[in-house]
Amino acid sequence: MAATVVTPTRMELTRLKRKLKTAQRGHKLLKDKRDELMKQFLDTVREVRALRSRVEADLMRVHGSFTVASALMSGAAMEQALMYPKQSVELDMSFRNVMSVNVPTYEYKTRTSDTSDIFPYGFANTSGELDSAVEALGDVFQSMLQLAQIEKTAQLLAEEIEKTRRRVNALEYVMIPNTQEAIRYITMKLDENDRSTTTRLMKVKDMLLKEALEEQKARDAEALEKFG
C-alpha cells in the first residue's frame, strides 16, 4: 500500500509517472549543484586559511610597531597624534552570483588619493616607528577587507550547501520512494481490475454460449417434433 492515499486510476498513474520523472531530474540537478558548491566551498576555505595567516602575521607586525612607538613616545603624545584623522574611507558593497548564491564584494575608496593623508600628524614631534605602524595598518586594511569578504562567502556557501543537502535527501529518501510505491500500488490495482474484468467477461461469454446452445437445442427439438 502506498504511504499516502491515492486513487488507483490510469489518469493518476500517468500523473505520478510524470511527477517521478520530474523529481528524478530535479534530484540529479540538485546533486550536481551540491557537488559544485562543495568544490567552491573547499576552494574558498583554503583561500580563507591562507589569507587569515597572512593577515594575522601583518597584524602582529603592526602591533609590534605600535609597541615600539609607544615605548618611544608618551601615551598622551601618541593619543594626540592619532586623534584627528585626515583620511576617510568609503565602503561600497555589491554582489556576485556563485552557483545561485549572492555573495558580497567589498570595495573601498579613500577621500583623497594622496597617500600621505594616511598620517594625521606632522612628522616633527612623532617617532618613525609610529609612521611605520600607521603605514603598515593602512596596508593590512585591504587584506582584512578581503578576508571579511571571503569568510562571508564561505558562510553563505555553507548555508546553501546545507539547504541543498536537505532538498536532495527529501527527494532521495521521501518523495521519490513514496511516488514509486504509489505507482506500484496503482499498477497492482489496475492489473487486478484488468484480471477481474477479464474473468467476468469470460464468465459472461460462457453464459452466453451456454444460453445459445440451449436455445439451439430447443429449436432443434421443436423441429424434430414438427417434422418427425
Foldseek 3Di string as FASTA:
>chain_A
DFPDDDDLDPVRLVVLVVVLVVLVVVLVVLVVLLVQLVVVLVVLVVVLVVLVVVLVVLVVVLVVLVVVQCVVDPPVVVCVQPVDQQKDKDKDWDWDDDSNFTAIDIDMDMPDPDPVSLGSHDDPPGDPSVVVSSVSVVVSVVSVNVSVRSVRVSVRSVVVSVVSVVSSCCSVPPVNVSSVVVSVVSVVVVVVVVVVVVVVVVVVVVVVVVVVVVVVVVVVVVVVVVVD
